Amino acid sequence: MTYLEFREQWHEAGCFNVYQIRAWNPEFDRSNLLRWVKRGYLTKLRQDWYAFSNLKGIPEMSRYVAGRIYTPSYISLHTALSFYGIIPEAVTAITCVTSNRTTAYSNDFGEFSYQTVKPTLFFGFRQMSLPQHGSYLMAYPEKAIIDLLYLYPQYNTAEALLELRFDEWWMQEELDRERLLAYALQSGSKAVLTRVKLLLKSYIHD
């Protein structure tokens, strides 16, 4: 099989694993992938996962890769907070939440970290579509806040919460307080609910 034949079949998928390829063509020679990586046509993302190298410059491709190479997962925490403009920092690494074990990967598409939450906390995300290469899952802004307060228990004082430097206009005008409180209750964590109430008290001045 030539690279051009392979590319015509798989380029729209963006990234893929060897098991998908074997299901498509049981006779596929896996050594082709290694050869195409050496030639720069493909990029290895993690064990058994590859992407087309020419897609590295496409906006959102790193977020798409994040959701493909480790499942179940959705983008949350600092990446989601930066995406929504809630925190001022530009975030380069892609931070995700998973109900699987905590892990991390590094490849030419970026740095990817996955932090574990219990299965009952795996909710509060939506599907984000890419023009050509499928979709990925992104936490709602309120769920990104819940995940942060759950995974980083040091944010348990007004001073610590204010150090997060959440955008005050967003907190006043865009935050869905009912959704935030509902998510806090759904988490089943009294500590998270306490931190959420303290967060609202610290940032919102009615």
N, C-alpha and C. Protein backbone atom coordinates (compact mmCIF):
# COMPACT_ATOMS: atom_id res chain seq x y z
N MET A 1 0.84 -1.20 0.00
CA MET A 1 0.00 0.00 0.00
C MET A 1 0.87 1.24 0.00
N THR A 2 0.51 2.21 -0.82
CA THR A 2 1.27 3.45 -0.86
C THR A 2 0.75 4.41 0.20
N TYR A 3 1.60 5.37 0.56
CA TYR A 3 1.17 6.38 1.53
C TYR A 3 -0.02 7.17 1.01
N LEU A 4 -0.05 7.51 -0.25
CA LEU A 4 -1.15 8.30 -0.81
C LEU A 4 -2.47 7.55 -0.70
N GLU A 5 -2.45 6.23 -0.89
CA GLU A 5 -3.66 5.43 -0.74
C GLU A 5 -4.12 5.45 0.72
N PHE A 6 -3.17 5.31 1.62
CA PHE A 6 -3.50 5.33 3.05
C PHE A 6 -4.03 6.70 3.45
N ARG A 7 -3.39 7.74 2.99
CA ARG A 7 -3.80 9.10 3.34
C ARG A 7 -5.22 9.39 2.86
N GLU A 8 -5.55 8.95 1.68
CA GLU A 8 -6.89 9.18 1.14
C GLU A 8 -7.96 8.56 2.02
N GLN A 9 -7.64 7.42 2.61
CA GLN A 9 -8.60 6.71 3.46
C GLN A 9 -8.70 7.31 4.85
N TRP A 10 -7.57 7.76 5.44
CA TRP A 10 -7.53 8.07 6.86
C TRP A 10 -7.33 9.54 7.21
N HIS A 11 -7.03 10.38 6.25
CA HIS A 11 -6.70 11.76 6.59
C HIS A 11 -7.86 12.48 7.27
N GLU A 12 -9.06 12.21 6.86
CA GLU A 12 -10.22 12.88 7.47
C GLU A 12 -10.36 12.54 8.94
N ALA A 13 -9.91 11.34 9.34
CA ALA A 13 -9.98 10.95 10.74
C ALA A 13 -9.02 11.75 11.61
N GLY A 14 -7.97 12.29 11.02
CA GLY A 14 -7.02 13.10 11.77
C GLY A 14 -6.01 12.26 12.52
N CYS A 15 -6.50 11.48 13.48
CA CYS A 15 -5.62 10.56 14.20
C CYS A 15 -6.32 9.21 14.33
N PHE A 16 -5.56 8.18 14.60
CA PHE A 16 -6.09 6.82 14.52
C PHE A 16 -5.16 5.89 15.27
N ASN A 17 -5.63 4.68 15.53
CA ASN A 17 -4.77 3.69 16.16
C ASN A 17 -4.63 2.46 15.28
N VAL A 18 -3.70 1.62 15.63
CA VAL A 18 -3.38 0.46 14.78
C VAL A 18 -4.54 -0.53 14.72
N TYR A 19 -5.36 -0.57 15.77
CA TYR A 19 -6.47 -1.52 15.79
C TYR A 19 -7.55 -1.11 14.79
N GLN A 20 -7.76 0.20 14.66
CA GLN A 20 -8.70 0.68 13.65
C GLN A 20 -8.22 0.32 12.25
N ILE A 21 -6.91 0.46 12.04
CA ILE A 21 -6.35 0.15 10.72
C ILE A 21 -6.46 -1.34 10.42
N ARG A 22 -6.17 -2.16 11.42
CA ARG A 22 -6.26 -3.61 11.22
C ARG A 22 -7.71 -4.03 10.96
N ALA A 23 -8.67 -3.37 11.60
CA ALA A 23 -10.08 -3.68 11.34
C ALA A 23 -10.47 -3.30 9.92
N TRP A 24 -9.88 -2.23 9.42
CA TRP A 24 -10.14 -1.78 8.06
C TRP A 24 -9.46 -2.68 7.03
N ASN A 25 -8.20 -3.07 7.35
CA ASN A 25 -7.43 -3.89 6.43
C ASN A 25 -6.56 -4.87 7.23
N PRO A 26 -7.05 -6.08 7.45
CA PRO A 26 -6.29 -7.05 8.26
C PRO A 26 -4.90 -7.36 7.72
N GLU A 27 -4.69 -7.10 6.45
CA GLU A 27 -3.39 -7.40 5.83
C GLU A 27 -2.42 -6.22 5.88
N PHE A 28 -2.84 -5.14 6.53
CA PHE A 28 -1.99 -3.95 6.56
C PHE A 28 -0.67 -4.24 7.26
N ASP A 29 0.42 -3.81 6.65
CA ASP A 29 1.76 -4.01 7.21
C ASP A 29 2.06 -2.85 8.17
N ARG A 30 2.16 -3.17 9.45
CA ARG A 30 2.36 -2.15 10.47
C ARG A 30 3.69 -1.41 10.30
N SER A 31 4.64 -2.03 9.66
CA SER A 31 5.93 -1.36 9.46
C SER A 31 5.79 -0.12 8.58
N ASN A 32 4.69 -0.04 7.81
CA ASN A 32 4.44 1.16 7.02
C ASN A 32 4.35 2.39 7.92
N LEU A 33 3.72 2.23 9.06
CA LEU A 33 3.55 3.37 9.97
C LEU A 33 4.89 3.89 10.45
N LEU A 34 5.79 2.99 10.81
CA LEU A 34 7.11 3.41 11.28
C LEU A 34 7.88 4.10 10.17
N ARG A 35 7.76 3.58 8.96
CA ARG A 35 8.45 4.19 7.83
C ARG A 35 7.90 5.59 7.55
N TRP A 36 6.57 5.76 7.63
CA TRP A 36 5.97 7.05 7.35
C TRP A 36 6.25 8.06 8.47
N VAL A 37 6.44 7.56 9.69
CA VAL A 37 6.86 8.45 10.77
C VAL A 37 8.26 8.97 10.49
N LYS A 38 9.16 8.09 10.08
CA LYS A 38 10.54 8.49 9.78
C LYS A 38 10.60 9.52 8.64
N ARG A 39 9.69 9.40 7.71
CA ARG A 39 9.67 10.32 6.58
C ARG A 39 8.94 11.63 6.91
N GLY A 40 8.34 11.69 8.11
CA GLY A 40 7.68 12.91 8.53
C GLY A 40 6.23 13.03 8.11
N TYR A 41 5.68 11.97 7.51
CA TYR A 41 4.29 12.02 7.08
C TYR A 41 3.34 11.88 8.27
N LEU A 42 3.73 11.03 9.23
CA LEU A 42 2.92 10.77 10.41
C LEU A 42 3.68 11.15 11.67
N THR A 43 2.94 11.38 12.73
CA THR A 43 3.50 11.65 14.05
C THR A 43 2.96 10.62 15.03
N LYS A 44 3.84 10.03 15.82
CA LYS A 44 3.39 9.09 16.84
C LYS A 44 2.91 9.88 18.06
N LEU A 45 1.71 9.57 18.51
CA LEU A 45 1.11 10.30 19.63
C LEU A 45 1.33 9.59 20.96
N ARG A 46 1.19 8.30 20.96
CA ARG A 46 1.46 7.43 22.10
C ARG A 46 1.50 6.03 21.54
N GLN A 47 1.67 5.03 22.36
CA GLN A 47 1.74 3.66 21.84
C GLN A 47 0.49 3.34 21.02
N ASP A 48 0.71 2.94 19.78
CA ASP A 48 -0.34 2.49 18.86
C ASP A 48 -1.21 3.62 18.30
N TRP A 49 -0.91 4.87 18.61
CA TRP A 49 -1.69 6.00 18.11
C TRP A 49 -0.83 6.91 17.24
N TYR A 50 -1.42 7.37 16.12
CA TYR A 50 -0.70 8.20 15.16
C TYR A 50 -1.62 9.30 14.64
N ALA A 51 -0.99 10.36 14.11
CA ALA A 51 -1.73 11.45 13.46
C ALA A 51 -0.94 11.91 12.24
N PHE A 52 -1.63 12.57 11.33
CA PHE A 52 -0.96 13.13 10.16
C PHE A 52 -0.22 14.40 10.56
N SER A 53 1.05 14.45 10.23
CA SER A 53 1.91 15.55 10.68
C SER A 53 1.46 16.92 10.17
N ASN A 54 0.85 16.96 9.01
CA ASN A 54 0.48 18.26 8.43
C ASN A 54 -0.68 18.92 9.17
N LEU A 55 -1.27 18.22 10.15
CA LEU A 55 -2.39 18.77 10.90
C LEU A 55 -1.95 19.54 12.15
N LYS A 56 -0.66 19.54 12.42
CA LYS A 56 -0.18 20.17 13.67
C LYS A 56 -0.50 21.66 13.75
N GLY A 57 -0.60 22.33 12.61
CA GLY A 57 -0.85 23.77 12.64
C GLY A 57 -2.31 24.16 12.70
N ILE A 58 -3.20 23.19 12.71
CA ILE A 58 -4.63 23.51 12.70
C ILE A 58 -5.10 23.83 14.11
N PRO A 59 -5.73 25.00 14.30
CA PRO A 59 -6.28 25.33 15.62
C PRO A 59 -7.25 24.24 16.08
N GLU A 60 -7.19 23.94 17.36
CA GLU A 60 -8.05 22.96 18.03
C GLU A 60 -7.60 21.51 17.81
N MET A 61 -6.63 21.27 16.93
CA MET A 61 -6.25 19.89 16.68
C MET A 61 -5.69 19.23 17.93
N SER A 62 -4.96 19.99 18.74
CA SER A 62 -4.42 19.41 19.98
C SER A 62 -5.54 18.98 20.91
N ARG A 63 -6.61 19.78 20.97
CA ARG A 63 -7.74 19.41 21.82
C ARG A 63 -8.44 18.16 21.29
N TYR A 64 -8.51 18.04 19.97
CA TYR A 64 -9.09 16.84 19.37
C TYR A 64 -8.25 15.61 19.70
N VAL A 65 -6.94 15.75 19.57
CA VAL A 65 -6.04 14.65 19.89
C VAL A 65 -6.19 14.24 21.35
N ALA A 66 -6.32 15.23 22.23
CA ALA A 66 -6.46 14.94 23.66
C ALA A 66 -7.62 14.00 23.94
N GLY A 67 -8.73 14.24 23.26
CA GLY A 67 -9.90 13.42 23.49
C GLY A 67 -9.86 12.06 22.82
N ARG A 68 -8.96 11.89 21.87
CA ARG A 68 -8.90 10.64 21.12
C ARG A 68 -7.93 9.63 21.75
N ILE A 69 -6.78 10.11 22.23
CA ILE A 69 -5.72 9.17 22.62
C ILE A 69 -5.93 8.57 24.01
N TYR A 70 -6.89 9.12 24.78
CA TYR A 70 -7.14 8.56 26.11
C TYR A 70 -8.62 8.77 26.45
N THR A 71 -9.33 7.67 26.62
CA THR A 71 -10.76 7.75 26.87
C THR A 71 -11.14 6.88 28.07
N PRO A 72 -12.25 7.20 28.73
CA PRO A 72 -13.06 8.40 28.50
C PRO A 72 -12.39 9.63 29.12
N SER A 73 -12.49 10.75 28.44
CA SER A 73 -11.92 11.98 28.98
C SER A 73 -12.60 13.18 28.36
N TYR A 74 -12.51 14.29 29.04
CA TYR A 74 -12.96 15.57 28.48
C TYR A 74 -12.02 16.66 28.96
N ILE A 75 -11.89 17.71 28.18
CA ILE A 75 -11.01 18.82 28.53
C ILE A 75 -11.64 19.65 29.62
N SER A 76 -10.86 19.99 30.63
CA SER A 76 -11.40 20.72 31.77
C SER A 76 -10.26 21.50 32.44
N LEU A 77 -10.47 21.84 33.70
CA LEU A 77 -9.45 22.48 34.54
C LEU A 77 -8.88 23.72 33.86
N HIS A 78 -7.58 23.90 33.89
CA HIS A 78 -6.97 25.15 33.43
C HIS A 78 -7.16 25.39 31.93
N THR A 79 -7.16 24.31 31.14
CA THR A 79 -7.37 24.50 29.70
C THR A 79 -8.76 25.05 29.41
N ALA A 80 -9.77 24.48 30.04
CA ALA A 80 -11.13 24.97 29.83
C ALA A 80 -11.31 26.38 30.40
N LEU A 81 -10.74 26.63 31.57
CA LEU A 81 -10.86 27.96 32.18
C LEU A 81 -10.21 29.02 31.31
N SER A 82 -9.08 28.69 30.70
CA SER A 82 -8.43 29.62 29.79
C SER A 82 -9.24 29.78 28.50
N PHE A 83 -9.79 28.70 27.99
CA PHE A 83 -10.60 28.72 26.78
C PHE A 83 -11.78 29.68 26.93
N TYR A 84 -12.41 29.67 28.10
CA TYR A 84 -13.57 30.52 28.34
C TYR A 84 -13.20 31.93 28.80
N GLY A 85 -11.90 32.19 28.97
CA GLY A 85 -11.46 33.51 29.40
C GLY A 85 -11.67 33.78 30.88
N ILE A 86 -11.76 32.73 31.68
CA ILE A 86 -12.02 32.89 33.11
C ILE A 86 -10.73 33.17 33.88
N ILE A 87 -9.62 32.61 33.41
CA ILE A 87 -8.32 32.90 34.02
C ILE A 87 -7.48 33.65 32.99
N PRO A 88 -6.57 34.50 33.45
CA PRO A 88 -5.80 35.33 32.52
C PRO A 88 -4.65 34.60 31.83
N GLU A 89 -4.18 33.53 32.41
CA GLU A 89 -3.00 32.86 31.88
C GLU A 89 -3.31 32.13 30.57
N ALA A 90 -2.37 32.19 29.66
CA ALA A 90 -2.43 31.35 28.46
C ALA A 90 -1.91 29.96 28.84
N VAL A 91 -2.68 28.94 28.58
CA VAL A 91 -2.34 27.58 28.98
C VAL A 91 -1.88 26.81 27.75
N THR A 92 -0.68 26.26 27.81
CA THR A 92 -0.14 25.52 26.68
C THR A 92 -0.45 24.02 26.78
N ALA A 93 -0.33 23.46 27.97
CA ALA A 93 -0.65 22.03 28.14
C ALA A 93 -2.16 21.84 28.11
N ILE A 94 -2.60 20.68 27.65
CA ILE A 94 -4.01 20.34 27.61
C ILE A 94 -4.32 19.52 28.85
N THR A 95 -5.20 20.07 29.70
CA THR A 95 -5.56 19.40 30.95
C THR A 95 -6.94 18.78 30.81
N CYS A 96 -7.02 17.51 31.16
CA CYS A 96 -8.26 16.75 30.98
C CYS A 96 -8.66 16.05 32.28
N VAL A 97 -9.92 15.66 32.31
CA VAL A 97 -10.45 14.86 33.40
C VAL A 97 -10.85 13.51 32.83
N THR A 98 -10.61 12.46 33.60
CA THR A 98 -10.93 11.11 33.16
C THR A 98 -11.46 10.30 34.34
N SER A 99 -12.26 9.29 34.03
CA SER A 99 -12.66 8.33 35.06
C SER A 99 -11.72 7.14 35.06
N ASN A 100 -10.73 7.17 34.19
CA ASN A 100 -9.69 6.16 34.14
C ASN A 100 -8.54 6.60 35.06
N ARG A 101 -7.42 5.94 34.97
CA ARG A 101 -6.30 6.29 35.85
C ARG A 101 -5.62 7.58 35.37
N THR A 102 -4.97 8.26 36.30
CA THR A 102 -4.22 9.47 35.99
C THR A 102 -3.00 9.12 35.13
N THR A 103 -2.77 9.93 34.09
CA THR A 103 -1.62 9.69 33.22
C THR A 103 -1.28 10.97 32.47
N ALA A 104 -0.22 10.91 31.68
CA ALA A 104 0.20 12.08 30.88
C ALA A 104 0.94 11.58 29.64
N TYR A 105 0.85 12.38 28.58
CA TYR A 105 1.54 12.07 27.33
C TYR A 105 2.15 13.35 26.76
N SER A 106 3.22 13.17 26.02
CA SER A 106 3.87 14.29 25.35
C SER A 106 4.21 13.86 23.93
N ASN A 107 3.83 14.70 22.97
CA ASN A 107 4.15 14.42 21.57
C ASN A 107 4.22 15.74 20.81
N ASP A 108 4.36 15.68 19.52
CA ASP A 108 4.51 16.90 18.72
C ASP A 108 3.25 17.77 18.69
N PHE A 109 2.13 17.21 19.12
CA PHE A 109 0.89 17.98 19.15
C PHE A 109 0.70 18.70 20.49
N GLY A 110 1.52 18.36 21.50
CA GLY A 110 1.43 19.07 22.76
C GLY A 110 1.68 18.19 23.97
N GLU A 111 1.44 18.79 25.13
CA GLU A 111 1.54 18.10 26.42
C GLU A 111 0.11 17.83 26.89
N PHE A 112 -0.15 16.60 27.30
CA PHE A 112 -1.50 16.19 27.68
C PHE A 112 -1.47 15.54 29.06
N SER A 113 -2.29 16.04 29.96
CA SER A 113 -2.39 15.44 31.29
C SER A 113 -3.84 15.08 31.57
N TYR A 114 -4.03 13.95 32.25
CA TYR A 114 -5.36 13.42 32.55
C TYR A 114 -5.43 13.14 34.05
N GLN A 115 -6.37 13.78 34.72
CA GLN A 115 -6.51 13.60 36.16
C GLN A 115 -7.81 12.87 36.46
N THR A 116 -7.74 11.98 37.41
CA THR A 116 -8.84 11.07 37.70
C THR A 116 -9.87 11.70 38.63
N VAL A 117 -11.14 11.52 38.26
CA VAL A 117 -12.26 11.79 39.15
C VAL A 117 -13.08 10.51 39.27
N LYS A 118 -13.86 10.39 40.31
CA LYS A 118 -14.71 9.21 40.44
C LYS A 118 -15.78 9.24 39.36
N PRO A 119 -16.26 8.07 38.93
CA PRO A 119 -17.22 8.02 37.82
C PRO A 119 -18.45 8.91 38.02
N THR A 120 -18.88 9.10 39.25
CA THR A 120 -20.07 9.93 39.49
C THR A 120 -19.80 11.41 39.21
N LEU A 121 -18.53 11.79 39.08
CA LEU A 121 -18.17 13.17 38.76
C LEU A 121 -17.88 13.36 37.27
N PHE A 122 -18.05 12.30 36.49
CA PHE A 122 -17.77 12.39 35.07
C PHE A 122 -19.03 12.87 34.34
N PHE A 123 -19.24 14.17 34.39
CA PHE A 123 -20.40 14.79 33.77
C PHE A 123 -20.08 16.26 33.52
N GLY A 124 -21.03 16.98 32.93
CA GLY A 124 -20.87 18.42 32.79
C GLY A 124 -20.00 18.85 31.64
N PHE A 125 -20.08 18.17 30.51
CA PHE A 125 -19.29 18.53 29.34
C PHE A 125 -20.18 18.54 28.11
N ARG A 126 -19.66 19.14 27.04
CA ARG A 126 -20.41 19.20 25.79
C ARG A 126 -19.49 18.86 24.62
N GLN A 127 -20.10 18.56 23.51
CA GLN A 127 -19.34 18.17 22.32
C GLN A 127 -18.99 19.41 21.51
N MET A 128 -17.71 19.53 21.15
CA MET A 128 -17.22 20.64 20.34
C MET A 128 -16.79 20.07 18.99
N SER A 129 -17.35 20.60 17.92
CA SER A 129 -17.09 20.05 16.58
C SER A 129 -15.95 20.78 15.89
N LEU A 130 -15.17 20.02 15.14
CA LEU A 130 -14.16 20.57 14.25
C LEU A 130 -14.69 20.53 12.83
N PRO A 131 -14.28 21.45 11.99
CA PRO A 131 -14.81 21.50 10.62
C PRO A 131 -14.61 20.21 9.83
N GLN A 132 -13.47 19.53 10.04
CA GLN A 132 -13.17 18.38 9.19
C GLN A 132 -12.84 17.11 9.96
N HIS A 133 -12.50 17.20 11.21
CA HIS A 133 -11.92 16.03 11.88
C HIS A 133 -12.68 15.60 13.13
N GLY A 134 -14.00 15.60 13.08
CA GLY A 134 -14.74 15.06 14.20
C GLY A 134 -14.99 16.06 15.30
N SER A 135 -14.88 15.61 16.55
CA SER A 135 -15.22 16.46 17.68
C SER A 135 -14.46 16.03 18.93
N TYR A 136 -14.55 16.84 19.95
CA TYR A 136 -13.96 16.51 21.25
C TYR A 136 -14.90 17.01 22.34
N LEU A 137 -14.65 16.62 23.57
CA LEU A 137 -15.50 16.99 24.69
C LEU A 137 -14.84 18.06 25.53
N MET A 138 -15.60 19.10 25.84
CA MET A 138 -15.11 20.22 26.65
C MET A 138 -16.06 20.43 27.83
N ALA A 139 -15.50 20.61 29.01
CA ALA A 139 -16.33 20.89 30.18
C ALA A 139 -17.05 22.22 30.02
N TYR A 140 -18.27 22.28 30.52
CA TYR A 140 -18.90 23.58 30.68
C TYR A 140 -18.05 24.39 31.67
N PRO A 141 -18.05 25.71 31.56
CA PRO A 141 -17.20 26.50 32.46
C PRO A 141 -17.46 26.21 33.94
N GLU A 142 -18.73 26.04 34.29
CA GLU A 142 -19.07 25.76 35.69
C GLU A 142 -18.51 24.41 36.14
N LYS A 143 -18.48 23.43 35.23
CA LYS A 143 -17.92 22.13 35.60
C LYS A 143 -16.41 22.19 35.70
N ALA A 144 -15.76 23.01 34.86
CA ALA A 144 -14.31 23.18 34.98
C ALA A 144 -13.96 23.73 36.36
N ILE A 145 -14.80 24.63 36.86
CA ILE A 145 -14.58 25.17 38.21
C ILE A 145 -14.76 24.08 39.25
N ILE A 146 -15.81 23.28 39.11
CA ILE A 146 -16.05 22.19 40.06
C ILE A 146 -14.87 21.22 40.05
N ASP A 147 -14.40 20.85 38.86
CA ASP A 147 -13.26 19.93 38.78
C ASP A 147 -12.03 20.50 39.46
N LEU A 148 -11.81 21.80 39.27
CA LEU A 148 -10.65 22.44 39.90
C LEU A 148 -10.75 22.38 41.41
N LEU A 149 -11.92 22.71 41.94
CA LEU A 149 -12.10 22.72 43.39
C LEU A 149 -12.07 21.31 43.98
N TYR A 150 -12.46 20.34 43.19
CA TYR A 150 -12.43 18.95 43.64
C TYR A 150 -10.99 18.41 43.65
N LEU A 151 -10.26 18.68 42.59
CA LEU A 151 -8.92 18.09 42.45
C LEU A 151 -7.83 18.89 43.16
N TYR A 152 -8.12 20.16 43.48
CA TYR A 152 -7.14 21.00 44.16
C TYR A 152 -7.73 21.52 45.46
N PRO A 153 -7.75 20.69 46.50
CA PRO A 153 -8.40 21.07 47.76
C PRO A 153 -7.73 22.24 48.49
N GLN A 154 -6.55 22.67 48.01
CA GLN A 154 -5.90 23.82 48.66
C GLN A 154 -6.68 25.11 48.45
N TYR A 155 -7.60 25.12 47.48
CA TYR A 155 -8.42 26.32 47.25
C TYR A 155 -9.61 26.30 48.20
N ASN A 156 -9.30 26.44 49.48
CA ASN A 156 -10.34 26.34 50.51
C ASN A 156 -10.43 27.58 51.39
N THR A 157 -9.77 28.67 50.97
CA THR A 157 -9.88 29.94 51.67
C THR A 157 -10.16 31.03 50.65
N ALA A 158 -10.70 32.14 51.12
CA ALA A 158 -10.98 33.26 50.22
C ALA A 158 -9.70 33.75 49.57
N GLU A 159 -8.62 33.79 50.33
CA GLU A 159 -7.35 34.27 49.79
C GLU A 159 -6.86 33.36 48.66
N ALA A 160 -6.94 32.05 48.88
CA ALA A 160 -6.49 31.11 47.85
C ALA A 160 -7.37 31.20 46.60
N LEU A 161 -8.66 31.36 46.78
CA LEU A 161 -9.57 31.47 45.64
C LEU A 161 -9.33 32.75 44.85
N LEU A 162 -9.06 33.82 45.53
CA LEU A 162 -8.79 35.08 44.84
C LEU A 162 -7.48 35.04 44.08
N GLU A 163 -6.54 34.22 44.55
CA GLU A 163 -5.27 34.07 43.83
C GLU A 163 -5.44 33.40 42.47
N LEU A 164 -6.58 32.75 42.26
CA LEU A 164 -6.87 32.17 40.95
C LEU A 164 -7.10 33.25 39.90
N ARG A 165 -7.44 34.44 40.35
CA ARG A 165 -7.66 35.60 39.48
C ARG A 165 -8.72 35.34 38.40
N PHE A 166 -9.82 34.76 38.84
CA PHE A 166 -10.94 34.60 37.92
C PHE A 166 -11.40 35.97 37.44
N ASP A 167 -11.78 36.04 36.17
CA ASP A 167 -12.23 37.29 35.58
C ASP A 167 -13.50 37.78 36.29
N GLU A 168 -13.43 38.95 36.88
CA GLU A 168 -14.55 39.44 37.69
C GLU A 168 -15.79 39.71 36.84
N TRP A 169 -15.59 40.24 35.62
CA TRP A 169 -16.74 40.49 34.77
C TRP A 169 -17.43 39.18 34.43
N TRP A 170 -16.65 38.14 34.11
CA TRP A 170 -17.25 36.84 33.79
C TRP A 170 -18.00 36.29 34.99
N MET A 171 -17.39 36.40 36.15
CA MET A 171 -18.04 35.89 37.36
C MET A 171 -19.35 36.61 37.63
N GLN A 172 -19.39 37.91 37.37
CA GLN A 172 -20.60 38.69 37.64
C GLN A 172 -21.67 38.51 36.57
N GLU A 173 -21.25 38.45 35.29
CA GLU A 173 -22.21 38.53 34.19
C GLU A 173 -22.46 37.21 33.45
N GLU A 174 -21.45 36.34 33.39
CA GLU A 174 -21.56 35.15 32.55
C GLU A 174 -21.75 33.85 33.34
N LEU A 175 -21.26 33.81 34.55
CA LEU A 175 -21.36 32.60 35.35
C LEU A 175 -22.82 32.21 35.55
N ASP A 176 -23.13 30.94 35.31
CA ASP A 176 -24.46 30.39 35.61
C ASP A 176 -24.41 29.85 37.03
N ARG A 177 -24.85 30.67 37.97
CA ARG A 177 -24.74 30.30 39.38
C ARG A 177 -25.58 29.07 39.71
N GLU A 178 -26.76 28.99 39.12
CA GLU A 178 -27.62 27.83 39.38
C GLU A 178 -26.96 26.54 38.91
N ARG A 179 -26.34 26.59 37.73
CA ARG A 179 -25.65 25.41 37.22
C ARG A 179 -24.47 25.06 38.11
N LEU A 180 -23.70 26.06 38.52
CA LEU A 180 -22.54 25.82 39.38
C LEU A 180 -22.96 25.13 40.68
N LEU A 181 -24.00 25.64 41.31
CA LEU A 181 -24.48 25.05 42.57
C LEU A 181 -25.07 23.67 42.34
N ALA A 182 -25.76 23.49 41.22
CA ALA A 182 -26.32 22.17 40.91
C ALA A 182 -25.20 21.15 40.70
N TYR A 183 -24.15 21.56 40.00
CA TYR A 183 -23.01 20.67 39.80
C TYR A 183 -22.32 20.35 41.14
N ALA A 184 -22.23 21.35 42.00
CA ALA A 184 -21.61 21.12 43.31
C ALA A 184 -22.40 20.10 44.11
N LEU A 185 -23.72 20.20 44.07
CA LEU A 185 -24.57 19.23 44.76
C LEU A 185 -24.45 17.85 44.12
N GLN A 186 -24.41 17.82 42.79
CA GLN A 186 -24.30 16.56 42.08
C GLN A 186 -22.98 15.86 42.35
N SER A 187 -21.96 16.62 42.68
CA SER A 187 -20.65 16.02 42.98
C SER A 187 -20.69 15.13 44.21
N GLY A 188 -21.65 15.40 45.09
CA GLY A 188 -21.76 14.61 46.31
C GLY A 188 -20.70 14.92 47.34
N SER A 189 -19.96 16.00 47.14
CA SER A 189 -18.87 16.37 48.05
C SER A 189 -19.26 17.61 48.84
N LYS A 190 -19.36 17.47 50.14
CA LYS A 190 -19.66 18.62 50.99
C LYS A 190 -18.53 19.65 50.93
N ALA A 191 -17.31 19.17 50.80
CA ALA A 191 -16.16 20.08 50.73
C ALA A 191 -16.24 20.94 49.47
N VAL A 192 -16.59 20.33 48.34
CA VAL A 192 -16.71 21.08 47.09
C VAL A 192 -17.83 22.11 47.20
N LEU A 193 -18.96 21.72 47.77
CA LEU A 193 -20.07 22.65 47.94
C LEU A 193 -19.65 23.83 48.81
N THR A 194 -18.90 23.57 49.87
CA THR A 194 -18.42 24.65 50.74
C THR A 194 -17.48 25.58 49.97
N ARG A 195 -16.60 25.02 49.16
CA ARG A 195 -15.66 25.85 48.39
C ARG A 195 -16.40 26.67 47.33
N VAL A 196 -17.43 26.10 46.73
CA VAL A 196 -18.21 26.84 45.74
C VAL A 196 -18.89 28.03 46.39
N LYS A 197 -19.49 27.84 47.53
CA LYS A 197 -20.16 28.94 48.23
C LYS A 197 -19.16 30.02 48.62
N LEU A 198 -17.98 29.61 49.03
CA LEU A 198 -16.94 30.58 49.38
C LEU A 198 -16.46 31.32 48.13
N LEU A 199 -16.37 30.61 47.01
CA LEU A 199 -15.97 31.23 45.74
C LEU A 199 -16.97 32.33 45.36
N LEU A 200 -18.25 32.02 45.43
CA LEU A 200 -19.28 33.01 45.08
C LEU A 200 -19.22 34.21 46.02
N LYS A 201 -19.01 33.95 47.28
CA LYS A 201 -18.92 35.04 48.25
C LYS A 201 -17.69 35.92 47.99
N SER A 202 -16.61 35.30 47.53
CA SER A 202 -15.36 36.02 47.32
C SER A 202 -15.38 36.89 46.07
N TYR A 203 -16.09 36.43 45.02
CA TYR A 203 -16.03 37.11 43.73
C TYR A 203 -17.28 37.92 43.38
N ILE A 204 -18.40 37.55 43.93
CA ILE A 204 -19.67 38.16 43.51
C ILE A 204 -20.17 39.08 44.61
N HIS A 205 -20.38 40.33 44.24
CA HIS A 205 -20.82 41.34 45.21
C HIS A 205 -22.14 41.94 44.73
N ASP A 206 -23.23 41.36 45.15
CA ASP A 206 -24.54 41.84 44.72
C ASP A 206 -24.94 43.11 45.48
